[in-house]
Amino acid sequence: MNAVPKSQIKKEALVRATIHLVNNNGFHATPMSRIAKMANVSPATIYLYFENKQDLVNKVYIKVKTAFTDHAFKDYNENMSVADGFENIWKNIAQFKLNEVEEAMFLSQCDNTPMIDEESRQEGLKHLQPLLDLWERGKKEGSIKPLSPYLLYAYSIYPIAFLMNSQKRGAIELSPEQIEEAYQAAWDSIKL
C-alpha cells in the first residue's frame, strides 16, 4: 500500500483550512497565518505551494469547482435527451450541494463575491460547459425556454443553494420527495 506523501497531506490540510476559514470568516478576515495554524503547518509552508493568498484561494476554488463538476456530470451522456440530461445533472448537483456542504458554501462565496480573480472565474465557468451545451441544444430543439444561461441557472440551479443553506441552518430536512419536487419545479421553470 502506498503512503500519501507528506507534501500532499500538507497541501490538502491547507485546502481544508482555507475552505473552513473563508466560509466562517470571509476572505478578508482569513489571514495566511490563521490558515497555516489551522492546517498545522508553518506559515512559510504555504508559500511552497501557493504564491500568495489570492493564488491559494484561486487554486482552492478551481480544485473545488473541478470536484463539483466531476460530480455534476457523473453518469451524464450528451446523447441523453435534454430532459433526461438535465434531470441527471440537476440531481447530481443537488446531491453534491446537500452532502458536500462546506465545499458548496465555499463555491457560493466565490461565485457571489469578488474574491476570485477573473481568470479563475472563467476557468470555473468552463467546467460547466456540458450544462451550457445541453441548454443550447434544448433551446434549438424547442424544449428549453430561449433565455440566457444566467437566467436558466438562476431559476433552475441556484435555488439548490437556498435549500442547502436552509437545511444547514436546521430549518428543513429535505426528504427524497421534496428533492424530487424541487427538481420538478426547476425543470418546470425552464422547459417550454
N, C-alpha and C. Protein backbone atom coordinates (compact mmCIF):
# COMPACT_ATOMS: atom_id res chain seq x y z
N MET A 1 0.84 -1.19 0.00
CA MET A 1 0.00 0.00 0.00
C MET A 1 0.88 1.24 0.00
N ASN A 2 0.60 2.19 -0.90
CA ASN A 2 1.40 3.41 -1.00
C ASN A 2 0.93 4.43 0.01
N ALA A 3 1.89 5.02 0.70
CA ALA A 3 1.57 6.08 1.65
C ALA A 3 1.40 7.40 0.89
N VAL A 4 0.52 8.24 1.38
CA VAL A 4 0.32 9.55 0.78
C VAL A 4 1.52 10.42 1.16
N PRO A 5 2.16 11.07 0.19
CA PRO A 5 3.32 11.92 0.51
C PRO A 5 2.94 13.03 1.49
N LYS A 6 3.88 13.34 2.38
CA LYS A 6 3.66 14.39 3.38
C LYS A 6 3.26 15.71 2.74
N SER A 7 3.88 16.01 1.60
CA SER A 7 3.56 17.28 0.93
C SER A 7 2.10 17.32 0.50
N GLN A 8 1.57 16.19 0.06
CA GLN A 8 0.16 16.13 -0.34
C GLN A 8 -0.76 16.30 0.86
N ILE A 9 -0.37 15.70 1.98
CA ILE A 9 -1.15 15.82 3.22
C ILE A 9 -1.19 17.29 3.66
N LYS A 10 -0.04 17.95 3.60
CA LYS A 10 0.03 19.37 4.00
C LYS A 10 -0.81 20.24 3.07
N LYS A 11 -0.69 19.99 1.78
CA LYS A 11 -1.44 20.78 0.81
C LYS A 11 -2.95 20.59 1.01
N GLU A 12 -3.38 19.36 1.24
CA GLU A 12 -4.80 19.08 1.48
C GLU A 12 -5.26 19.74 2.77
N ALA A 13 -4.42 19.75 3.79
CA ALA A 13 -4.77 20.42 5.05
C ALA A 13 -4.95 21.92 4.82
N LEU A 14 -4.10 22.50 3.98
CA LEU A 14 -4.23 23.93 3.65
C LEU A 14 -5.53 24.21 2.90
N VAL A 15 -5.89 23.31 1.99
CA VAL A 15 -7.15 23.45 1.24
C VAL A 15 -8.33 23.42 2.20
N ARG A 16 -8.36 22.40 3.08
CA ARG A 16 -9.46 22.24 4.06
C ARG A 16 -9.56 23.47 4.96
N ALA A 17 -8.41 23.93 5.46
CA ALA A 17 -8.40 25.10 6.35
C ALA A 17 -8.90 26.35 5.62
N THR A 18 -8.49 26.51 4.38
CA THR A 18 -8.93 27.67 3.60
C THR A 18 -10.44 27.64 3.41
N ILE A 19 -10.98 26.50 3.03
CA ILE A 19 -12.43 26.38 2.83
C ILE A 19 -13.16 26.72 4.13
N HIS A 20 -12.73 26.12 5.22
CA HIS A 20 -13.39 26.33 6.51
C HIS A 20 -13.33 27.80 6.94
N LEU A 21 -12.15 28.37 6.89
CA LEU A 21 -11.99 29.75 7.38
C LEU A 21 -12.68 30.77 6.48
N VAL A 22 -12.61 30.59 5.17
CA VAL A 22 -13.31 31.52 4.27
C VAL A 22 -14.81 31.41 4.48
N ASN A 23 -15.33 30.19 4.65
CA ASN A 23 -16.76 30.02 4.89
C ASN A 23 -17.21 30.70 6.18
N ASN A 24 -16.38 30.63 7.21
CA ASN A 24 -16.78 31.14 8.52
C ASN A 24 -16.38 32.58 8.79
N ASN A 25 -15.34 33.06 8.11
CA ASN A 25 -14.85 34.41 8.40
C ASN A 25 -14.84 35.34 7.20
N GLY A 26 -15.01 34.78 6.01
CA GLY A 26 -14.88 35.59 4.81
C GLY A 26 -13.43 35.64 4.34
N PHE A 27 -13.26 36.08 3.14
CA PHE A 27 -11.93 36.12 2.51
C PHE A 27 -10.99 37.08 3.24
N HIS A 28 -11.46 38.30 3.48
CA HIS A 28 -10.58 39.34 4.05
C HIS A 28 -10.24 39.08 5.51
N ALA A 29 -11.08 38.38 6.23
CA ALA A 29 -10.82 38.10 7.65
C ALA A 29 -10.14 36.74 7.84
N THR A 30 -9.50 36.25 6.79
CA THR A 30 -8.81 34.97 6.86
C THR A 30 -7.34 35.18 6.48
N PRO A 31 -6.52 35.54 7.47
CA PRO A 31 -5.10 35.74 7.16
C PRO A 31 -4.38 34.41 6.92
N MET A 32 -3.29 34.48 6.18
CA MET A 32 -2.49 33.29 5.87
C MET A 32 -2.00 32.61 7.16
N SER A 33 -1.67 33.40 8.17
CA SER A 33 -1.17 32.83 9.42
C SER A 33 -2.23 31.94 10.08
N ARG A 34 -3.48 32.34 9.97
CA ARG A 34 -4.57 31.55 10.56
C ARG A 34 -4.81 30.27 9.76
N ILE A 35 -4.69 30.38 8.44
CA ILE A 35 -4.82 29.18 7.59
C ILE A 35 -3.73 28.19 7.96
N ALA A 36 -2.49 28.67 8.09
CA ALA A 36 -1.36 27.81 8.44
C ALA A 36 -1.58 27.15 9.80
N LYS A 37 -2.02 27.95 10.76
CA LYS A 37 -2.25 27.42 12.12
C LYS A 37 -3.31 26.32 12.09
N MET A 38 -4.41 26.55 11.41
CA MET A 38 -5.48 25.55 11.36
C MET A 38 -5.01 24.29 10.62
N ALA A 39 -4.19 24.47 9.59
CA ALA A 39 -3.67 23.33 8.82
C ALA A 39 -2.52 22.63 9.54
N ASN A 40 -2.08 23.24 10.65
CA ASN A 40 -0.99 22.69 11.44
C ASN A 40 0.31 22.62 10.65
N VAL A 41 0.58 23.70 9.91
CA VAL A 41 1.84 23.83 9.18
C VAL A 41 2.43 25.20 9.49
N SER A 42 3.68 25.38 9.20
CA SER A 42 4.29 26.69 9.42
C SER A 42 3.81 27.63 8.32
N PRO A 43 3.69 28.93 8.64
CA PRO A 43 3.26 29.88 7.60
C PRO A 43 4.12 29.84 6.35
N ALA A 44 5.40 29.57 6.49
CA ALA A 44 6.29 29.51 5.33
C ALA A 44 5.93 28.35 4.40
N THR A 45 5.34 27.29 4.96
CA THR A 45 4.97 26.12 4.15
C THR A 45 3.95 26.49 3.07
N ILE A 46 3.06 27.41 3.38
CA ILE A 46 2.04 27.81 2.40
C ILE A 46 2.71 28.27 1.11
N TYR A 47 3.81 29.00 1.27
CA TYR A 47 4.47 29.60 0.11
C TYR A 47 5.27 28.59 -0.72
N LEU A 48 5.36 27.36 -0.24
CA LEU A 48 5.94 26.30 -1.06
C LEU A 48 4.95 25.87 -2.14
N TYR A 49 3.66 26.05 -1.85
CA TYR A 49 2.60 25.58 -2.75
C TYR A 49 1.84 26.70 -3.45
N PHE A 50 1.80 27.87 -2.82
CA PHE A 50 1.00 28.98 -3.34
C PHE A 50 1.79 30.28 -3.28
N GLU A 51 1.63 31.12 -4.30
CA GLU A 51 2.37 32.39 -4.36
C GLU A 51 1.94 33.34 -3.25
N ASN A 52 0.64 33.43 -3.02
CA ASN A 52 0.09 34.36 -2.04
C ASN A 52 -1.35 33.93 -1.73
N LYS A 53 -2.04 34.71 -0.94
CA LYS A 53 -3.39 34.35 -0.53
C LYS A 53 -4.34 34.28 -1.73
N GLN A 54 -4.20 35.21 -2.67
CA GLN A 54 -5.06 35.20 -3.85
C GLN A 54 -4.84 33.92 -4.65
N ASP A 55 -3.59 33.53 -4.82
CA ASP A 55 -3.27 32.30 -5.54
C ASP A 55 -3.84 31.08 -4.81
N LEU A 56 -3.72 31.07 -3.49
CA LEU A 56 -4.27 29.98 -2.69
C LEU A 56 -5.78 29.86 -2.90
N VAL A 57 -6.49 30.95 -2.76
CA VAL A 57 -7.95 30.92 -2.88
C VAL A 57 -8.35 30.57 -4.32
N ASN A 58 -7.69 31.12 -5.30
CA ASN A 58 -7.99 30.78 -6.70
C ASN A 58 -7.81 29.28 -6.96
N LYS A 59 -6.70 28.73 -6.47
CA LYS A 59 -6.43 27.31 -6.71
C LYS A 59 -7.40 26.41 -5.93
N VAL A 60 -7.76 26.82 -4.74
CA VAL A 60 -8.75 26.05 -3.98
C VAL A 60 -10.09 26.10 -4.72
N TYR A 61 -10.45 27.27 -5.23
CA TYR A 61 -11.69 27.42 -5.99
C TYR A 61 -11.72 26.46 -7.19
N ILE A 62 -10.63 26.44 -7.97
CA ILE A 62 -10.58 25.57 -9.14
C ILE A 62 -10.63 24.11 -8.71
N LYS A 63 -9.95 23.74 -7.64
CA LYS A 63 -9.98 22.36 -7.14
C LYS A 63 -11.39 21.97 -6.74
N VAL A 64 -12.08 22.82 -6.00
CA VAL A 64 -13.44 22.51 -5.54
C VAL A 64 -14.40 22.53 -6.72
N LYS A 65 -14.24 23.49 -7.63
CA LYS A 65 -15.11 23.56 -8.81
C LYS A 65 -14.95 22.30 -9.66
N THR A 66 -13.73 21.80 -9.78
CA THR A 66 -13.48 20.58 -10.53
C THR A 66 -14.18 19.39 -9.88
N ALA A 67 -14.07 19.27 -8.56
CA ALA A 67 -14.75 18.18 -7.84
C ALA A 67 -16.27 18.30 -8.01
N PHE A 68 -16.76 19.53 -7.93
CA PHE A 68 -18.19 19.80 -8.10
C PHE A 68 -18.67 19.35 -9.48
N THR A 69 -17.96 19.77 -10.52
CA THR A 69 -18.42 19.44 -11.87
C THR A 69 -18.19 17.97 -12.21
N ASP A 70 -17.14 17.37 -11.66
CA ASP A 70 -16.96 15.93 -11.85
C ASP A 70 -18.19 15.20 -11.31
N HIS A 71 -18.66 15.65 -10.17
CA HIS A 71 -19.86 15.04 -9.57
C HIS A 71 -21.12 15.40 -10.38
N ALA A 72 -21.21 16.65 -10.79
CA ALA A 72 -22.40 17.12 -11.52
C ALA A 72 -22.62 16.34 -12.81
N PHE A 73 -21.55 15.97 -13.49
CA PHE A 73 -21.68 15.32 -14.79
C PHE A 73 -21.44 13.81 -14.73
N LYS A 74 -21.44 13.27 -13.52
CA LYS A 74 -21.32 11.82 -13.34
C LYS A 74 -22.53 11.16 -14.01
N ASP A 75 -22.27 10.15 -14.78
CA ASP A 75 -23.32 9.38 -15.50
C ASP A 75 -24.06 10.20 -16.55
N TYR A 76 -23.59 11.41 -16.85
CA TYR A 76 -24.22 12.21 -17.90
C TYR A 76 -23.63 11.82 -19.24
N ASN A 77 -24.49 11.78 -20.25
CA ASN A 77 -24.05 11.44 -21.59
C ASN A 77 -24.72 12.45 -22.52
N GLU A 78 -23.95 13.08 -23.39
CA GLU A 78 -24.52 14.12 -24.26
C GLU A 78 -25.53 13.58 -25.26
N ASN A 79 -25.65 12.25 -25.36
CA ASN A 79 -26.68 11.68 -26.22
C ASN A 79 -28.02 11.51 -25.52
N MET A 80 -28.05 11.82 -24.22
CA MET A 80 -29.32 11.76 -23.49
C MET A 80 -30.26 12.82 -24.05
N SER A 81 -31.55 12.61 -23.85
CA SER A 81 -32.49 13.68 -24.20
C SER A 81 -32.21 14.88 -23.31
N VAL A 82 -32.66 16.04 -23.70
CA VAL A 82 -32.45 17.25 -22.90
C VAL A 82 -33.07 17.07 -21.52
N ALA A 83 -34.28 16.54 -21.46
CA ALA A 83 -34.97 16.35 -20.18
C ALA A 83 -34.20 15.38 -19.29
N ASP A 84 -33.78 14.24 -19.84
CA ASP A 84 -33.05 13.25 -19.04
C ASP A 84 -31.67 13.78 -18.62
N GLY A 85 -31.01 14.47 -19.52
CA GLY A 85 -29.70 15.05 -19.20
C GLY A 85 -29.80 16.08 -18.10
N PHE A 86 -30.82 16.95 -18.20
CA PHE A 86 -30.98 17.98 -17.17
C PHE A 86 -31.31 17.33 -15.82
N GLU A 87 -32.17 16.32 -15.83
CA GLU A 87 -32.51 15.65 -14.57
C GLU A 87 -31.26 15.02 -13.94
N ASN A 88 -30.45 14.36 -14.74
CA ASN A 88 -29.22 13.75 -14.25
C ASN A 88 -28.31 14.79 -13.62
N ILE A 89 -28.07 15.87 -14.35
CA ILE A 89 -27.16 16.92 -13.88
C ILE A 89 -27.73 17.59 -12.64
N TRP A 90 -29.01 17.97 -12.68
CA TRP A 90 -29.62 18.69 -11.55
C TRP A 90 -29.54 17.85 -10.28
N LYS A 91 -29.89 16.57 -10.38
CA LYS A 91 -29.88 15.72 -9.18
C LYS A 91 -28.45 15.49 -8.67
N ASN A 92 -27.49 15.41 -9.56
CA ASN A 92 -26.10 15.30 -9.13
C ASN A 92 -25.65 16.56 -8.41
N ILE A 93 -26.03 17.73 -8.94
CA ILE A 93 -25.68 18.99 -8.30
C ILE A 93 -26.34 19.07 -6.92
N ALA A 94 -27.60 18.70 -6.84
CA ALA A 94 -28.31 18.73 -5.55
C ALA A 94 -27.61 17.81 -4.55
N GLN A 95 -27.25 16.62 -5.00
CA GLN A 95 -26.58 15.67 -4.12
C GLN A 95 -25.26 16.26 -3.60
N PHE A 96 -24.49 16.87 -4.49
CA PHE A 96 -23.22 17.48 -4.08
C PHE A 96 -23.47 18.58 -3.06
N LYS A 97 -24.37 19.51 -3.38
CA LYS A 97 -24.60 20.67 -2.51
C LYS A 97 -25.17 20.26 -1.16
N LEU A 98 -25.98 19.24 -1.12
CA LEU A 98 -26.58 18.82 0.14
C LEU A 98 -25.67 17.92 0.97
N ASN A 99 -24.70 17.25 0.31
CA ASN A 99 -23.81 16.35 1.03
C ASN A 99 -22.41 16.92 1.25
N GLU A 100 -21.97 17.78 0.37
CA GLU A 100 -20.63 18.40 0.48
C GLU A 100 -20.83 19.88 0.80
N VAL A 101 -21.43 20.13 1.94
CA VAL A 101 -21.90 21.48 2.28
C VAL A 101 -20.76 22.49 2.36
N GLU A 102 -19.65 22.11 3.00
CA GLU A 102 -18.52 23.06 3.13
C GLU A 102 -18.02 23.50 1.75
N GLU A 103 -17.82 22.53 0.86
CA GLU A 103 -17.33 22.85 -0.48
C GLU A 103 -18.35 23.67 -1.25
N ALA A 104 -19.63 23.30 -1.14
CA ALA A 104 -20.69 24.03 -1.84
C ALA A 104 -20.79 25.46 -1.33
N MET A 105 -20.68 25.64 -0.01
CA MET A 105 -20.72 27.00 0.55
C MET A 105 -19.53 27.83 0.06
N PHE A 106 -18.36 27.20 -0.01
CA PHE A 106 -17.17 27.89 -0.49
C PHE A 106 -17.39 28.35 -1.94
N LEU A 107 -17.93 27.47 -2.78
CA LEU A 107 -18.20 27.86 -4.17
C LEU A 107 -19.20 29.00 -4.23
N SER A 108 -20.23 28.96 -3.40
CA SER A 108 -21.22 30.05 -3.38
C SER A 108 -20.56 31.36 -3.00
N GLN A 109 -19.71 31.31 -1.98
CA GLN A 109 -18.99 32.54 -1.58
C GLN A 109 -18.15 33.07 -2.74
N CYS A 110 -17.45 32.16 -3.39
CA CYS A 110 -16.58 32.56 -4.50
C CYS A 110 -17.39 33.13 -5.66
N ASP A 111 -18.54 32.53 -5.93
CA ASP A 111 -19.37 32.98 -7.05
C ASP A 111 -20.09 34.29 -6.76
N ASN A 112 -20.24 34.64 -5.48
CA ASN A 112 -21.01 35.82 -5.12
C ASN A 112 -20.19 36.95 -4.55
N THR A 113 -18.88 36.84 -4.60
CA THR A 113 -18.01 37.92 -4.13
C THR A 113 -16.87 38.09 -5.14
N PRO A 114 -16.18 39.21 -5.06
CA PRO A 114 -15.06 39.42 -5.99
C PRO A 114 -13.75 38.80 -5.52
N MET A 115 -13.79 37.81 -4.63
CA MET A 115 -12.53 37.28 -4.09
C MET A 115 -11.77 36.40 -5.07
N ILE A 116 -12.42 35.93 -6.12
CA ILE A 116 -11.76 35.11 -7.13
C ILE A 116 -11.39 36.01 -8.31
N ASP A 117 -10.18 35.86 -8.84
CA ASP A 117 -9.82 36.70 -9.97
C ASP A 117 -10.56 36.23 -11.23
N GLU A 118 -10.63 37.10 -12.21
CA GLU A 118 -11.44 36.84 -13.41
C GLU A 118 -10.94 35.62 -14.18
N GLU A 119 -9.65 35.43 -14.23
CA GLU A 119 -9.09 34.27 -14.95
C GLU A 119 -9.58 32.96 -14.30
N SER A 120 -9.56 32.91 -12.99
CA SER A 120 -10.04 31.70 -12.29
C SER A 120 -11.54 31.54 -12.44
N ARG A 121 -12.26 32.65 -12.43
CA ARG A 121 -13.72 32.60 -12.60
C ARG A 121 -14.06 32.03 -13.99
N GLN A 122 -13.34 32.47 -15.02
CA GLN A 122 -13.57 31.96 -16.37
C GLN A 122 -13.20 30.48 -16.46
N GLU A 123 -12.13 30.10 -15.78
CA GLU A 123 -11.74 28.68 -15.74
C GLU A 123 -12.85 27.86 -15.09
N GLY A 124 -13.42 28.37 -14.02
CA GLY A 124 -14.53 27.69 -13.35
C GLY A 124 -15.75 27.55 -14.24
N LEU A 125 -16.03 28.59 -15.05
CA LEU A 125 -17.17 28.53 -15.96
C LEU A 125 -16.99 27.44 -17.02
N LYS A 126 -15.76 27.24 -17.47
CA LYS A 126 -15.50 26.21 -18.48
C LYS A 126 -15.93 24.83 -17.98
N HIS A 127 -15.85 24.64 -16.67
CA HIS A 127 -16.23 23.36 -16.09
C HIS A 127 -17.72 23.08 -16.26
N LEU A 128 -18.52 24.11 -16.45
CA LEU A 128 -19.97 23.94 -16.61
C LEU A 128 -20.39 23.79 -18.07
N GLN A 129 -19.44 23.72 -18.97
CA GLN A 129 -19.75 23.70 -20.41
C GLN A 129 -20.76 22.63 -20.82
N PRO A 130 -20.68 21.39 -20.29
CA PRO A 130 -21.69 20.40 -20.70
C PRO A 130 -23.13 20.85 -20.39
N LEU A 131 -23.34 21.53 -19.27
CA LEU A 131 -24.67 22.03 -18.94
C LEU A 131 -25.07 23.14 -19.91
N LEU A 132 -24.15 24.04 -20.20
CA LEU A 132 -24.43 25.13 -21.14
C LEU A 132 -24.75 24.57 -22.53
N ASP A 133 -24.00 23.55 -22.94
CA ASP A 133 -24.25 22.90 -24.24
C ASP A 133 -25.62 22.23 -24.25
N LEU A 134 -25.98 21.58 -23.14
CA LEU A 134 -27.29 20.93 -23.05
C LEU A 134 -28.40 21.97 -23.19
N TRP A 135 -28.26 23.08 -22.49
CA TRP A 135 -29.27 24.14 -22.59
C TRP A 135 -29.36 24.69 -24.01
N GLU A 136 -28.23 24.86 -24.64
CA GLU A 136 -28.22 25.37 -26.02
C GLU A 136 -28.94 24.39 -26.94
N ARG A 137 -28.66 23.12 -26.78
CA ARG A 137 -29.35 22.10 -27.58
C ARG A 137 -30.85 22.14 -27.29
N GLY A 138 -31.21 22.28 -26.03
CA GLY A 138 -32.63 22.35 -25.66
C GLY A 138 -33.33 23.55 -26.27
N LYS A 139 -32.63 24.68 -26.35
CA LYS A 139 -33.23 25.87 -26.98
C LYS A 139 -33.44 25.63 -28.47
N LYS A 140 -32.44 25.02 -29.11
CA LYS A 140 -32.55 24.74 -30.55
C LYS A 140 -33.66 23.74 -30.85
N GLU A 141 -33.82 22.75 -29.97
CA GLU A 141 -34.87 21.74 -30.16
C GLU A 141 -36.25 22.23 -29.73
N GLY A 142 -36.28 23.35 -29.02
CA GLY A 142 -37.56 23.88 -28.55
C GLY A 142 -38.07 23.26 -27.26
N SER A 143 -37.16 22.65 -26.48
CA SER A 143 -37.60 22.07 -25.21
C SER A 143 -37.22 22.94 -24.00
N ILE A 144 -36.35 23.91 -24.22
CA ILE A 144 -35.90 24.83 -23.17
C ILE A 144 -36.26 26.25 -23.60
N LYS A 145 -36.69 27.06 -22.64
CA LYS A 145 -37.03 28.46 -22.92
C LYS A 145 -35.81 29.19 -23.49
N PRO A 146 -36.01 30.08 -24.44
CA PRO A 146 -34.89 30.80 -25.04
C PRO A 146 -34.39 31.94 -24.13
N LEU A 147 -33.81 31.57 -23.01
CA LEU A 147 -33.29 32.52 -22.03
C LEU A 147 -31.77 32.44 -22.00
N SER A 148 -31.15 33.46 -21.44
CA SER A 148 -29.69 33.44 -21.30
C SER A 148 -29.30 32.35 -20.30
N PRO A 149 -28.07 31.83 -20.40
CA PRO A 149 -27.62 30.82 -19.44
C PRO A 149 -27.70 31.33 -17.99
N TYR A 150 -27.51 32.64 -17.79
CA TYR A 150 -27.58 33.20 -16.45
C TYR A 150 -28.98 33.06 -15.87
N LEU A 151 -30.00 33.33 -16.69
CA LEU A 151 -31.37 33.19 -16.23
C LEU A 151 -31.73 31.72 -16.02
N LEU A 152 -31.30 30.87 -16.93
CA LEU A 152 -31.56 29.44 -16.77
C LEU A 152 -30.94 28.93 -15.47
N TYR A 153 -29.72 29.36 -15.19
CA TYR A 153 -29.04 28.95 -13.96
C TYR A 153 -29.75 29.52 -12.74
N ALA A 154 -30.12 30.79 -12.82
CA ALA A 154 -30.78 31.45 -11.68
C ALA A 154 -32.09 30.76 -11.30
N TYR A 155 -32.85 30.33 -12.28
CA TYR A 155 -34.15 29.73 -11.99
C TYR A 155 -34.09 28.24 -11.71
N SER A 156 -33.11 27.54 -12.26
CA SER A 156 -33.13 26.09 -12.11
C SER A 156 -32.06 25.52 -11.18
N ILE A 157 -30.88 26.11 -11.14
CA ILE A 157 -29.79 25.55 -10.35
C ILE A 157 -29.58 26.32 -9.05
N TYR A 158 -29.61 27.63 -9.11
CA TYR A 158 -29.31 28.44 -7.94
C TYR A 158 -30.22 28.16 -6.74
N PRO A 159 -31.49 27.84 -6.94
CA PRO A 159 -32.34 27.54 -5.77
C PRO A 159 -31.82 26.38 -4.91
N ILE A 160 -31.00 25.52 -5.46
CA ILE A 160 -30.43 24.43 -4.66
C ILE A 160 -29.60 25.01 -3.51
N ALA A 161 -28.91 26.13 -3.75
CA ALA A 161 -28.11 26.76 -2.71
C ALA A 161 -29.00 27.23 -1.56
N PHE A 162 -30.17 27.77 -1.88
CA PHE A 162 -31.12 28.18 -0.85
C PHE A 162 -31.54 26.98 0.00
N LEU A 163 -31.85 25.88 -0.66
CA LEU A 163 -32.25 24.67 0.06
C LEU A 163 -31.10 24.15 0.93
N MET A 164 -29.88 24.17 0.38
CA MET A 164 -28.71 23.74 1.14
C MET A 164 -28.54 24.58 2.39
N ASN A 165 -28.62 25.89 2.25
CA ASN A 165 -28.46 26.79 3.39
C ASN A 165 -29.57 26.60 4.41
N SER A 166 -30.80 26.39 3.94
CA SER A 166 -31.93 26.15 4.85
C SER A 166 -31.73 24.86 5.63
N GLN A 167 -31.24 23.84 4.96
CA GLN A 167 -31.00 22.56 5.63
C GLN A 167 -29.85 22.69 6.62
N LYS A 168 -28.80 23.40 6.25
CA LYS A 168 -27.64 23.59 7.14
C LYS A 168 -28.06 24.33 8.41
N ARG A 169 -28.96 25.30 8.29
CA ARG A 169 -29.46 26.06 9.45
C ARG A 169 -30.41 25.23 10.31
N GLY A 170 -30.86 24.10 9.78
CA GLY A 170 -31.80 23.27 10.52
C GLY A 170 -33.26 23.67 10.31
N ALA A 171 -33.51 24.55 9.35
CA ALA A 171 -34.88 25.00 9.08
C ALA A 171 -35.71 23.90 8.42
N ILE A 172 -35.05 23.06 7.61
CA ILE A 172 -35.73 21.96 6.94
C ILE A 172 -34.80 20.76 6.90
N GLU A 173 -35.36 19.60 6.74
CA GLU A 173 -34.60 18.38 6.47
C GLU A 173 -35.23 17.82 5.21
N LEU A 174 -34.52 17.96 4.10
CA LEU A 174 -35.09 17.59 2.81
C LEU A 174 -35.26 16.09 2.66
N SER A 175 -36.47 15.68 2.38
CA SER A 175 -36.77 14.28 2.12
C SER A 175 -36.54 14.00 0.64
N PRO A 176 -36.42 12.74 0.25
CA PRO A 176 -36.31 12.42 -1.18
C PRO A 176 -37.49 12.97 -1.98
N GLU A 177 -38.67 12.97 -1.39
CA GLU A 177 -39.85 13.51 -2.08
C GLU A 177 -39.71 15.01 -2.32
N GLN A 178 -39.19 15.73 -1.34
CA GLN A 178 -39.01 17.17 -1.51
C GLN A 178 -37.93 17.48 -2.53
N ILE A 179 -36.89 16.67 -2.57
CA ILE A 179 -35.85 16.86 -3.60
C ILE A 179 -36.45 16.63 -4.98
N GLU A 180 -37.30 15.62 -5.09
CA GLU A 180 -37.97 15.36 -6.37
C GLU A 180 -38.88 16.53 -6.75
N GLU A 181 -39.60 17.07 -5.78
CA GLU A 181 -40.46 18.24 -6.03
C GLU A 181 -39.62 19.45 -6.45
N ALA A 182 -38.47 19.64 -5.80
CA ALA A 182 -37.58 20.75 -6.14
C ALA A 182 -37.05 20.59 -7.57
N TYR A 183 -36.68 19.34 -7.90
CA TYR A 183 -36.23 19.09 -9.27
C TYR A 183 -37.34 19.43 -10.26
N GLN A 184 -38.55 18.96 -10.00
CA GLN A 184 -39.67 19.20 -10.91
C GLN A 184 -39.93 20.70 -11.07
N ALA A 185 -39.85 21.44 -9.98
CA ALA A 185 -40.04 22.90 -10.04
C ALA A 185 -38.94 23.54 -10.88
N ALA A 186 -37.70 23.05 -10.72
CA ALA A 186 -36.59 23.58 -11.52
C ALA A 186 -36.81 23.31 -13.00
N TRP A 187 -37.19 22.08 -13.34
CA TRP A 187 -37.42 21.73 -14.73
C TRP A 187 -38.59 22.54 -15.30
N ASP A 188 -39.67 22.65 -14.53
CA ASP A 188 -40.84 23.42 -14.98
C ASP A 188 -40.48 24.89 -15.23
N SER A 189 -39.49 25.41 -14.50
CA SER A 189 -39.14 26.83 -14.65
C SER A 189 -38.41 27.12 -15.97
N ILE A 190 -37.80 26.10 -16.59
CA ILE A 190 -37.01 26.36 -17.80
C ILE A 190 -37.53 25.65 -19.04
N LYS A 191 -38.39 24.65 -18.87
CA LYS A 191 -38.86 23.91 -20.06
C LYS A 191 -39.94 24.71 -20.79
N LEU A 192 -40.04 24.44 -22.08
CA LEU A 192 -41.10 25.08 -22.87
C LEU A 192 -42.37 24.28 -22.78
